[in-house]
Amino acid sequence: MSASPAVGVIGAGSMGEALIVGLIERAGIAPAQILASAPRAARRDELATAYGIAVTDDNRAVARAGTVILAVKPQVFPQVARDVRGALVPDALLLSTIAGLPIARLCADCEHGAVVRAMPNTPARIGAGMTVWASSGAVSAAHHAAAAHILGALGRERHVAREELLDSATAISGSGPAYVFLFLESLIDAGVMLGLPRPIAHELALETLLGAARYAAHDASHPALLRNAVTSPGGTTAAALLAFERAGFRAAVLEAAAAAHRRSQELGRSP
């Protein structure tokens, strides 16, 4: 690739690959305009074959792109920062999906001003994610539009004005898929306990969650109103909801989110 690429992706794990897929399939970026880096030769060959992009082991080459995405593990960041420092184009956008790494450290360690910190979630891998992001003061209107376009290729995106809200978002949308998977698993187990074959219990539970989520998005009423519409006086749903309340279901959800929020803050303060 002789000219500088439009987008560089440093880190070719699951989230880096999800970004590459989104860039090509939903953001309209041609494979020829993407340069990625990966340390293992086998992984480089795999990505190049699958997506028709150029892949290198040279992070400094990737850092010369107009938009540079950091999609590496937190423990790898110090080395990546050394690689990109001084190689970034002055007006480039640096977009990080590194968990717990604050904007101030990204700016300082990479010696760059225009930085976006994003918190995607795992459904982003199929274009159904919810990504919350914040930006440094040096991010221009053009940078903002580019970030929204790229992150929108992962699903839905939401910019927040205050970076500390990313800790709150982590507790809801970032960790939220795990909460849903736990509820799904529990509902399947309940079906099996009540005599349903596991494949049927899985189908019923999964389709119910999918349908309820789609219905909530379509109706836009408060969830309590939707719940009330399903709850007949003295009926089966009322009995189930009473059992949930007695078991402290609502309090458990609130406490779990608060725990995730605290942990996100702790990670952000780690050196």
Protein backbone atom coordinates (compact mmCIF):
# COMPACT_ATOMS: atom_id res chain seq x y z
CA MET A 1 0.00 0.00 0.00
CA SER A 2 1.87 3.05 -1.22
CA ALA A 3 -0.50 5.82 -0.07
CA SER A 4 -1.52 6.19 3.55
CA PRO A 5 -4.61 4.08 4.32
CA ALA A 6 -7.89 5.72 5.30
CA VAL A 7 -8.25 3.51 8.37
CA GLY A 8 -5.67 1.59 10.36
CA VAL A 9 -6.60 -1.10 12.87
CA ILE A 10 -4.02 -2.07 15.46
CA GLY A 11 -5.10 -5.31 17.09
CA ALA A 12 -6.79 -8.10 15.18
CA GLY A 13 -8.67 -9.95 17.90
CA SER A 14 -12.43 -10.38 17.95
CA MET A 15 -13.23 -6.67 18.35
CA GLY A 16 -10.63 -5.61 15.79
CA GLU A 17 -12.07 -8.09 13.33
CA ALA A 18 -15.60 -6.87 14.09
CA LEU A 19 -14.47 -3.35 13.25
CA ILE A 20 -12.89 -4.51 9.99
CA VAL A 21 -16.11 -6.28 8.99
CA GLY A 22 -18.18 -3.24 9.91
CA LEU A 23 -15.91 -0.88 8.00
CA ILE A 24 -16.20 -2.96 4.84
CA GLU A 25 -19.81 -4.15 4.99
CA ARG A 26 -21.58 -1.22 6.65
CA ALA A 27 -19.33 1.85 6.61
CA GLY A 28 -18.50 1.72 2.92
CA ILE A 29 -14.72 1.60 3.37
CA ALA A 30 -13.00 -0.32 0.58
CA PRO A 31 -10.66 -3.12 1.69
CA ALA A 32 -7.84 -1.37 -0.17
CA GLN A 33 -8.21 1.58 2.22
CA ILE A 34 -7.75 -0.51 5.36
CA LEU A 35 -4.43 -1.54 6.89
CA ALA A 36 -4.39 -3.76 9.97
CA SER A 37 -1.62 -5.09 12.16
CA ALA A 38 -1.29 -8.43 13.93
CA PRO A 39 1.78 -10.01 15.54
CA ARG A 40 1.22 -13.58 14.29
CA ALA A 41 1.85 -14.43 10.64
CA ALA A 42 -0.97 -16.98 10.58
CA ARG A 43 -3.45 -14.38 11.78
CA ARG A 44 -2.21 -11.86 9.22
CA ASP A 45 -2.74 -14.38 6.43
CA GLU A 46 -6.19 -15.25 7.77
CA LEU A 47 -7.38 -11.63 7.79
CA ALA A 48 -5.88 -10.83 4.39
CA THR A 49 -7.57 -13.86 2.84
CA ALA A 50 -10.93 -13.31 4.51
CA TYR A 51 -11.32 -9.58 3.86
CA GLY A 52 -8.88 -8.61 1.12
CA ILE A 53 -7.12 -6.06 3.32
CA ALA A 54 -3.42 -5.44 3.80
CA VAL A 55 -2.09 -6.75 7.12
CA THR A 56 1.33 -6.07 8.60
CA ASP A 57 3.25 -6.54 11.83
CA ASP A 58 4.41 -2.90 11.72
CA ASN A 59 2.26 -0.76 14.02
CA ARG A 60 4.04 2.41 12.90
CA ALA A 61 2.90 1.84 9.33
CA VAL A 62 -0.70 1.47 10.52
CA ALA A 63 -0.33 4.63 12.61
CA ARG A 64 0.04 6.73 9.45
CA ALA A 65 -3.64 6.25 8.56
CA GLY A 66 -6.15 9.08 8.69
CA THR A 67 -8.06 7.24 11.41
CA VAL A 68 -6.19 4.85 13.69
CA ILE A 69 -8.15 2.35 15.78
CA LEU A 70 -6.56 0.77 18.85
CA ALA A 71 -8.29 -2.56 19.53
CA VAL A 72 -5.73 -4.26 21.76
CA LYS A 73 -5.77 -5.63 25.30
CA PRO A 74 -4.90 -3.12 28.06
CA GLN A 75 -1.66 -4.93 28.89
CA VAL A 76 -0.46 -4.51 25.30
CA PHE A 77 -1.13 -0.77 25.19
CA PRO A 78 2.25 0.44 26.57
CA GLN A 79 4.12 -1.20 23.68
CA VAL A 80 1.55 0.00 21.13
CA ALA A 81 1.84 3.55 22.49
CA ARG A 82 5.60 3.44 21.99
CA ASP A 83 5.08 2.19 18.44
CA VAL A 84 2.62 4.89 17.36
CA ARG A 85 4.20 7.81 19.21
CA GLY A 86 5.60 10.19 16.63
CA ALA A 87 4.13 8.21 13.74
CA LEU A 88 0.57 9.52 13.94
CA VAL A 89 -0.42 12.11 11.35
CA PRO A 90 -1.05 15.44 13.16
CA ASP A 91 -4.71 15.67 12.11
CA ALA A 92 -5.44 11.94 12.49
CA LEU A 93 -8.22 10.62 14.69
CA LEU A 94 -7.10 8.09 17.31
CA LEU A 95 -10.01 5.83 18.31
CA SER A 96 -9.55 3.42 21.21
CA THR A 97 -11.70 0.47 22.27
CA ILE A 98 -9.26 -0.48 25.04
CA ALA A 99 -11.19 -1.24 28.22
CA GLY A 100 -10.62 1.09 31.15
CA LEU A 101 -8.02 3.31 29.48
CA PRO A 102 -8.91 7.00 30.00
CA ILE A 103 -8.61 9.67 27.35
CA ALA A 104 -5.96 11.58 29.31
CA ARG A 105 -3.61 8.59 29.28
CA LEU A 106 -4.28 7.86 25.60
CA CYS A 107 -3.39 11.45 24.75
CA ALA A 108 -0.29 11.51 26.96
CA ASP A 109 1.18 8.11 26.08
CA CYS A 110 0.51 8.41 22.34
CA GLU A 111 1.37 12.13 22.29
CA HIS A 112 -1.76 12.93 20.31
CA GLY A 113 -4.67 15.28 20.90
CA ALA A 114 -7.64 14.06 18.86
CA VAL A 115 -8.72 10.96 20.78
CA VAL A 116 -12.00 9.06 21.04
CA ARG A 117 -12.56 6.44 23.71
CA ALA A 118 -15.29 3.94 22.87
CA MET A 119 -17.03 1.19 24.84
CA PRO A 120 -18.56 -1.35 22.43
CA ASN A 121 -20.19 -4.59 23.50
CA THR A 122 -20.01 -8.13 22.15
CA PRO A 123 -23.08 -7.96 19.85
CA ALA A 124 -20.97 -5.50 17.83
CA ARG A 125 -19.40 -8.62 16.31
CA ILE A 126 -22.59 -9.15 14.29
CA GLY A 127 -23.42 -5.46 13.73
CA ALA A 128 -25.94 -5.42 16.60
CA GLY A 129 -23.84 -3.66 19.21
CA MET A 130 -24.40 -0.64 21.40
CA THR A 131 -21.30 1.54 21.58
CA VAL A 132 -20.96 4.51 23.91
CA TRP A 133 -18.10 6.93 23.33
CA ALA A 134 -16.51 10.14 24.54
CA SER A 135 -13.97 12.45 22.93
CA SER A 136 -11.12 14.76 23.83
CA GLY A 137 -11.35 18.52 23.40
CA ALA A 138 -9.16 18.35 20.29
CA VAL A 139 -11.69 16.24 18.37
CA SER A 140 -13.06 18.34 15.50
CA ALA A 141 -16.50 18.19 13.92
CA ALA A 142 -15.00 16.12 11.11
CA HIS A 143 -13.41 13.74 13.61
CA HIS A 144 -16.72 13.46 15.46
CA ALA A 145 -18.55 12.56 12.26
CA ALA A 146 -15.89 9.99 11.34
CA ALA A 147 -16.09 8.35 14.78
CA ALA A 148 -19.89 8.19 14.64
CA HIS A 149 -19.73 6.65 11.16
CA ILE A 150 -17.19 4.00 12.16
CA LEU A 151 -18.83 3.08 15.46
CA GLY A 152 -22.25 3.09 13.84
CA ALA A 153 -21.01 0.25 11.65
CA LEU A 154 -21.00 -1.90 14.79
CA GLY A 155 -24.68 -1.24 15.48
CA ARG A 156 -26.00 1.74 17.45
CA GLU A 157 -23.68 4.43 18.83
CA ARG A 158 -24.15 7.15 21.44
CA HIS A 159 -21.77 10.01 22.20
CA VAL A 160 -21.63 11.30 25.78
CA ALA A 161 -20.26 14.69 26.74
CA ARG A 162 -18.60 13.52 29.98
CA GLU A 163 -16.06 10.70 29.90
CA GLU A 164 -17.01 9.47 33.39
CA LEU A 165 -20.36 8.37 31.96
CA LEU A 166 -18.48 5.60 30.16
CA ASP A 167 -18.12 3.85 33.53
CA SER A 168 -21.91 3.96 33.89
CA ALA A 169 -22.37 2.79 30.30
CA THR A 170 -19.97 -0.08 30.90
CA ALA A 171 -22.24 -1.32 33.68
CA ILE A 172 -25.31 -1.26 31.42
CA SER A 173 -24.44 -1.83 27.77
CA GLY A 174 -20.84 -3.02 28.10
CA SER A 175 -21.47 -5.78 30.63
CA GLY A 176 -25.19 -6.00 29.88
CA PRO A 177 -25.00 -8.84 27.35
CA ALA A 178 -23.63 -11.10 30.10
CA TYR A 179 -26.64 -10.27 32.29
CA VAL A 180 -28.96 -11.16 29.43
CA PHE A 181 -27.09 -14.41 28.75
CA LEU A 182 -27.35 -15.34 32.43
CA PHE A 183 -31.11 -14.72 32.41
CA LEU A 184 -31.43 -16.68 29.16
CA GLU A 185 -29.49 -19.59 30.64
CA SER A 186 -31.64 -19.53 33.78
CA LEU A 187 -34.87 -19.44 31.77
CA ILE A 188 -33.72 -22.42 29.71
CA ASP A 189 -32.86 -24.33 32.88
CA ALA A 190 -36.29 -23.50 34.27
CA GLY A 191 -37.91 -24.96 31.17
CA VAL A 192 -35.89 -28.15 31.53
CA MET A 193 -36.82 -28.36 35.22
CA LEU A 194 -40.49 -28.13 34.20
CA GLY A 195 -40.13 -31.03 31.77
CA LEU A 196 -39.36 -29.38 28.43
CA PRO A 197 -36.66 -30.99 26.26
CA ARG A 198 -33.61 -28.71 26.34
CA PRO A 199 -33.76 -27.77 22.62
CA ILE A 200 -37.39 -26.69 23.00
CA ALA A 201 -36.64 -24.82 26.24
CA HIS A 202 -33.77 -23.04 24.46
CA GLU A 203 -35.97 -22.07 21.52
CA LEU A 204 -38.81 -20.80 23.70
CA ALA A 205 -36.52 -18.78 25.98
CA LEU A 206 -34.44 -17.26 23.19
CA GLU A 207 -37.38 -16.32 20.98
CA THR A 208 -39.21 -14.84 23.97
CA LEU A 209 -36.24 -12.61 24.81
CA LEU A 210 -35.80 -11.56 21.18
CA GLY A 211 -39.51 -10.89 20.73
CA ALA A 212 -39.87 -8.97 23.99
CA ALA A 213 -36.88 -6.76 23.12
CA ARG A 214 -38.22 -6.05 19.64
CA TYR A 215 -41.67 -5.31 21.05
CA ALA A 216 -40.22 -2.90 23.63
CA ALA A 217 -38.29 -1.11 20.88
CA HIS A 218 -41.41 -0.92 18.70
CA ASP A 219 -43.86 0.21 21.37
CA ALA A 220 -41.58 2.67 23.23
CA SER A 221 -43.82 2.57 26.31
CA HIS A 222 -42.31 2.40 29.80
CA PRO A 223 -41.32 -1.22 30.52
CA ALA A 224 -43.64 -1.27 33.52
CA LEU A 225 -46.62 -0.64 31.23
CA LEU A 226 -45.55 -3.48 28.94
CA ARG A 227 -45.14 -5.76 31.95
CA ASN A 228 -48.57 -4.80 33.29
CA ALA A 229 -50.14 -5.65 29.92
CA VAL A 230 -48.95 -9.25 30.32
CA THR A 231 -49.97 -9.54 33.97
CA SER A 232 -53.56 -10.65 34.53
CA PRO A 233 -54.94 -10.34 38.09
CA GLY A 234 -54.34 -13.57 39.95
CA GLY A 235 -52.71 -15.18 36.92
CA THR A 236 -49.55 -17.12 36.21
CA THR A 237 -47.45 -14.06 35.36
CA ALA A 238 -48.49 -12.30 38.57
CA ALA A 239 -47.41 -15.37 40.55
CA ALA A 240 -44.06 -15.45 38.77
CA LEU A 241 -43.42 -11.72 39.29
CA LEU A 242 -44.20 -12.07 43.00
CA ALA A 243 -41.59 -14.82 43.21
CA PHE A 244 -39.07 -12.56 41.45
CA GLU A 245 -39.73 -9.73 43.91
CA ARG A 246 -39.47 -12.03 46.93
CA ALA A 247 -36.13 -13.31 45.63
CA GLY A 248 -34.81 -9.75 45.28
CA PHE A 249 -34.49 -9.83 41.49
CA ARG A 250 -34.70 -6.06 41.00
CA ALA A 251 -32.24 -5.34 43.82
CA ALA A 252 -29.82 -7.92 42.44
CA VAL A 253 -29.83 -6.19 39.04
CA LEU A 254 -29.17 -2.79 40.66
CA GLU A 255 -26.38 -4.18 42.84
CA ALA A 256 -24.77 -5.99 39.90
CA ALA A 257 -24.72 -2.81 37.82
CA ALA A 258 -23.27 -0.85 40.74
CA ALA A 259 -20.53 -3.47 41.15
CA ALA A 260 -19.65 -3.27 37.45
CA HIS A 261 -19.57 0.53 37.70
CA ARG A 262 -17.18 0.44 40.66
CA ARG A 263 -14.91 -2.04 38.91
CA SER A 264 -14.82 0.09 35.76
CA GLN A 265 -13.75 3.09 37.85
CA GLU A 266 -11.04 0.99 39.53
CA LEU A 267 -9.67 -0.15 36.18
CA GLY A 268 -9.58 3.45 34.98
CA ARG A 269 -7.41 4.41 37.94
CA SER A 270 -4.95 1.53 37.42
CA PRO A 271 -1.48 2.58 36.22
